Amino acid sequence: MRLRVDGKDVEVQEGTLLLQVARVPTLCHHPHTETRGLCRICLVEVNGRLQPACATLAQEGMEVKTETEALQRLRKTLLEWLALTTDLSQAPELLALLERYGAEPARWPEVEGRKEREAVEDNPFFLRDYAKCVNCRRCVDACGDGVMGVYALTLEGRGLLAHPTTPLGRPLPETPCVFCGNCVQVCPTGALRPLALEVA
């Protein structure tokens, strides 16, 4: 099938996601976890309507725009709110996006966020530092349906206060966790990271 991306004709196979043909930034998407279109950073304009590139299949005749002025403003605002509410100090890709889109978090008033959350160290392998969590849910999906199927992680809370945790808030050693490290591997912000890095 054929479609146009930023004015250029593109030919793709059926079942191709727009994210595979449109070079746009993304946060929540990972090839080994479920695609939900949560972060909205990968929004593109499709025939005049906004669609998440990570959850939208290419279709014949689509007209896709990836970097309109409106999309750039939207990404800038989304990134600013992430920076306001979350410690992004160990998320170099996100910090690079903030610079790319000229994000200015200081132009917004202070809001209650995740930065004050204390890290959880309940096992000898990795730290759970939810002050750095952006709720992409990659870790929950990797632990559940996406990779392992053990469901040692779940999501708790709502809105800005939502965050991954263990069922009933139990320490990880008291859950089905096998400490495979898949959750750590898919985390884009350092919210889950090996304890060996903390010692170094």
Protein backbone atom coordinates (compact mmCIF):
# COMPACT_ATOMS: atom_id res chain seq x y z
CA MET A 1 0.00 0.00 0.00
CA ARG A 2 1.08 3.59 -0.59
CA LEU A 3 0.82 6.63 1.65
CA ARG A 4 2.48 10.03 1.94
CA VAL A 5 4.66 10.95 4.91
CA ASP A 6 5.73 14.59 5.12
CA GLY A 7 5.08 15.00 1.40
CA LYS A 8 7.02 11.91 0.32
CA ASP A 9 5.46 8.77 -1.16
CA VAL A 10 6.07 5.67 0.96
CA GLU A 11 5.23 2.05 0.15
CA VAL A 12 4.65 -0.32 3.09
CA GLN A 13 3.30 -3.77 3.81
CA GLU A 14 -0.11 -4.29 5.39
CA GLY A 15 0.10 -4.32 9.19
CA THR A 16 2.88 -1.71 9.37
CA LEU A 17 2.64 0.79 12.21
CA LEU A 18 3.07 4.45 11.35
CA LEU A 19 5.92 4.52 13.88
CA GLN A 20 7.83 2.20 11.56
CA VAL A 21 7.66 4.63 8.65
CA ALA A 22 7.43 8.02 10.39
CA ARG A 23 10.53 9.01 12.32
CA VAL A 24 8.96 10.53 15.43
CA PRO A 25 10.00 10.46 19.08
CA THR A 26 8.32 8.01 21.43
CA LEU A 27 8.48 7.06 25.07
CA CYS A 28 5.98 4.37 26.03
CA HIS A 29 6.50 2.20 22.93
CA HIS A 30 8.81 -0.81 23.10
CA PRO A 31 8.87 -3.66 20.55
CA HIS A 32 8.59 -6.32 23.30
CA THR A 33 5.76 -4.77 25.30
CA GLU A 34 2.17 -3.88 24.49
CA THR A 35 1.64 -0.70 22.49
CA ARG A 36 -0.92 1.53 24.19
CA GLY A 37 -0.30 5.03 22.83
CA LEU A 38 0.00 6.34 26.39
CA CYS A 39 2.66 9.04 26.26
CA ARG A 40 1.28 10.87 23.17
CA ILE A 41 4.76 12.09 22.25
CA CYS A 42 4.56 10.14 18.98
CA LEU A 43 1.34 11.84 17.86
CA VAL A 44 1.23 12.58 14.15
CA GLU A 45 -1.34 14.27 11.95
CA VAL A 46 -3.21 11.78 9.76
CA ASN A 47 -5.57 13.28 7.21
CA GLY A 48 -5.95 16.27 9.54
CA ARG A 49 -6.52 14.30 12.76
CA LEU A 50 -4.06 13.49 15.54
CA GLN A 51 -3.17 9.80 15.92
CA PRO A 52 -0.50 7.97 17.99
CA ALA A 53 2.05 6.62 15.51
CA CYS A 54 2.83 3.65 17.79
CA ALA A 55 -0.77 2.40 17.73
CA THR A 56 -1.97 3.37 14.24
CA LEU A 57 -1.64 1.07 11.25
CA ALA A 58 -0.66 2.51 7.89
CA GLN A 59 -3.49 2.57 5.36
CA GLU A 60 -3.70 3.17 1.64
CA GLY A 61 -3.77 6.85 0.73
CA MET A 62 -2.97 8.25 4.18
CA GLU A 63 -1.51 11.74 4.35
CA VAL A 64 0.80 11.82 7.38
CA LYS A 65 2.56 14.85 8.83
CA THR A 66 5.06 14.39 11.64
CA GLU A 67 6.53 17.80 12.51
CA THR A 68 3.91 20.50 12.04
CA GLU A 69 4.16 23.58 14.23
CA ALA A 70 1.18 22.37 16.26
CA LEU A 71 2.80 18.96 16.85
CA GLN A 72 6.04 20.58 17.94
CA ARG A 73 4.17 22.76 20.45
CA LEU A 74 2.29 19.74 21.74
CA ARG A 75 5.46 17.68 22.23
CA LYS A 76 7.14 20.62 23.93
CA THR A 77 4.28 20.93 26.42
CA LEU A 78 4.12 17.18 27.12
CA LEU A 79 7.86 17.10 27.77
CA GLU A 80 7.67 20.14 30.03
CA TRP A 81 5.04 18.47 32.19
CA LEU A 82 7.11 15.32 32.42
CA ALA A 83 10.07 17.39 33.57
CA LEU A 84 7.90 19.24 36.11
CA THR A 85 6.56 16.10 37.74
CA THR A 86 9.35 13.58 37.32
CA ASP A 87 13.08 13.30 38.01
CA LEU A 88 14.51 12.82 34.49
CA SER A 89 18.15 12.95 35.58
CA GLN A 90 18.80 9.38 34.38
CA ALA A 91 16.77 9.60 31.18
CA PRO A 92 19.23 10.94 28.57
CA GLU A 93 16.91 10.33 25.62
CA LEU A 94 14.16 12.38 27.25
CA LEU A 95 16.60 15.13 28.20
CA ALA A 96 17.70 15.26 24.56
CA LEU A 97 14.06 15.62 23.49
CA LEU A 98 13.55 18.48 25.93
CA GLU A 99 16.47 20.27 24.29
CA ARG A 100 15.32 19.41 20.77
CA TYR A 101 11.86 20.91 21.33
CA GLY A 102 13.06 23.87 23.38
CA ALA A 103 11.14 22.76 26.44
CA GLU A 104 10.91 25.28 29.29
CA PRO A 105 9.38 23.57 32.34
CA ALA A 106 9.91 26.69 34.47
CA ARG A 107 7.20 28.55 32.55
CA TRP A 108 4.60 26.43 34.37
CA PRO A 109 3.66 26.70 38.07
CA GLU A 110 4.91 24.03 40.45
CA VAL A 111 2.64 20.98 40.62
CA GLU A 112 2.49 17.92 42.82
CA GLY A 113 4.30 15.10 41.10
CA ARG A 114 6.44 12.05 41.60
CA LYS A 115 9.80 13.64 42.43
CA GLU A 116 9.47 13.21 46.19
CA ARG A 117 8.84 9.47 46.15
CA GLU A 118 11.40 7.44 48.05
CA ALA A 119 13.24 4.64 46.27
CA VAL A 120 12.35 1.05 47.21
CA GLU A 121 15.28 -1.30 47.87
CA ASP A 122 13.76 -4.63 48.83
CA ASN A 123 16.00 -7.04 46.92
CA PRO A 124 19.71 -7.38 46.13
CA PHE A 125 19.37 -6.94 42.37
CA PHE A 126 17.67 -3.69 41.40
CA LEU A 127 16.25 -0.46 42.79
CA ARG A 128 12.69 0.76 42.23
CA ASP A 129 12.98 4.54 42.11
CA TYR A 130 9.48 5.77 41.25
CA ALA A 131 10.49 9.44 41.48
CA LYS A 132 11.93 8.76 38.00
CA CYS A 133 8.90 6.84 36.67
CA VAL A 134 6.88 8.34 33.79
CA ASN A 135 4.18 5.63 33.88
CA CYS A 136 5.04 4.23 30.46
CA ARG A 137 4.01 0.78 31.80
CA ARG A 138 6.77 -0.98 29.91
CA CYS A 139 7.90 -2.77 33.08
CA VAL A 140 4.36 -3.94 33.93
CA ASP A 141 3.89 -5.29 30.40
CA ALA A 142 7.32 -6.96 30.32
CA CYS A 143 6.61 -8.67 33.63
CA GLY A 144 3.12 -9.66 32.47
CA ASP A 145 1.73 -10.41 29.02
CA GLY A 146 4.61 -8.87 27.05
CA VAL A 147 7.48 -11.17 28.02
CA MET A 148 7.48 -13.15 31.28
CA GLY A 149 3.87 -13.77 32.29
CA VAL A 150 4.64 -13.72 36.03
CA TYR A 151 2.75 -10.51 36.95
CA ALA A 152 4.98 -9.41 39.82
CA LEU A 153 4.35 -5.77 38.90
CA THR A 154 1.06 -3.91 38.59
CA LEU A 155 -0.13 -0.30 38.37
CA GLU A 156 -1.51 1.52 41.41
CA GLY A 157 -3.06 4.97 41.86
CA ARG A 158 -4.57 7.39 39.38
CA GLY A 159 -3.44 10.37 37.33
CA LEU A 160 -0.08 11.88 38.25
CA LEU A 161 0.06 9.67 41.34
CA ALA A 162 -0.21 6.42 39.38
CA HIS A 163 2.89 4.26 39.44
CA PRO A 164 4.02 0.66 39.01
CA THR A 165 4.26 -1.36 42.21
CA THR A 166 3.86 -4.93 43.38
CA PRO A 167 0.51 -6.63 44.05
CA LEU A 168 -0.72 -5.43 47.46
CA GLY A 169 2.54 -3.49 47.85
CA ARG A 170 4.45 -6.63 48.84
CA PRO A 171 8.28 -6.72 48.74
CA LEU A 172 9.48 -8.14 45.42
CA PRO A 173 10.87 -11.35 47.00
CA GLU A 174 7.33 -12.10 48.21
CA THR A 175 5.87 -11.88 44.69
CA PRO A 176 6.20 -14.26 41.71
CA CYS A 177 9.24 -12.18 40.57
CA VAL A 178 12.12 -14.33 39.32
CA PHE A 179 14.50 -11.33 39.02
CA CYS A 180 14.98 -11.89 35.31
CA GLY A 181 15.71 -8.19 34.77
CA ASN A 182 13.35 -7.71 31.82
CA CYS A 183 11.59 -4.85 33.61
CA VAL A 184 14.95 -3.12 34.12
CA GLN A 185 15.89 -3.60 30.47
CA VAL A 186 12.75 -1.91 29.14
CA CYS A 187 12.70 1.02 31.60
CA PRO A 188 13.58 4.24 29.69
CA THR A 189 14.15 6.54 32.67
CA GLY A 190 16.25 4.76 35.30
CA ALA A 191 13.25 4.22 37.56
CA LEU A 192 14.33 0.58 37.61
CA ARG A 193 18.07 0.14 37.63
CA PRO A 194 20.65 -2.42 38.81
CA LEU A 195 21.88 -1.95 42.35
CA ALA A 196 25.42 -2.52 41.07
CA LEU A 197 25.21 0.91 39.46
CA GLU A 198 24.30 2.46 42.80
CA VAL A 199 27.43 1.00 44.45
CA ALA A 200 29.65 2.27 41.61
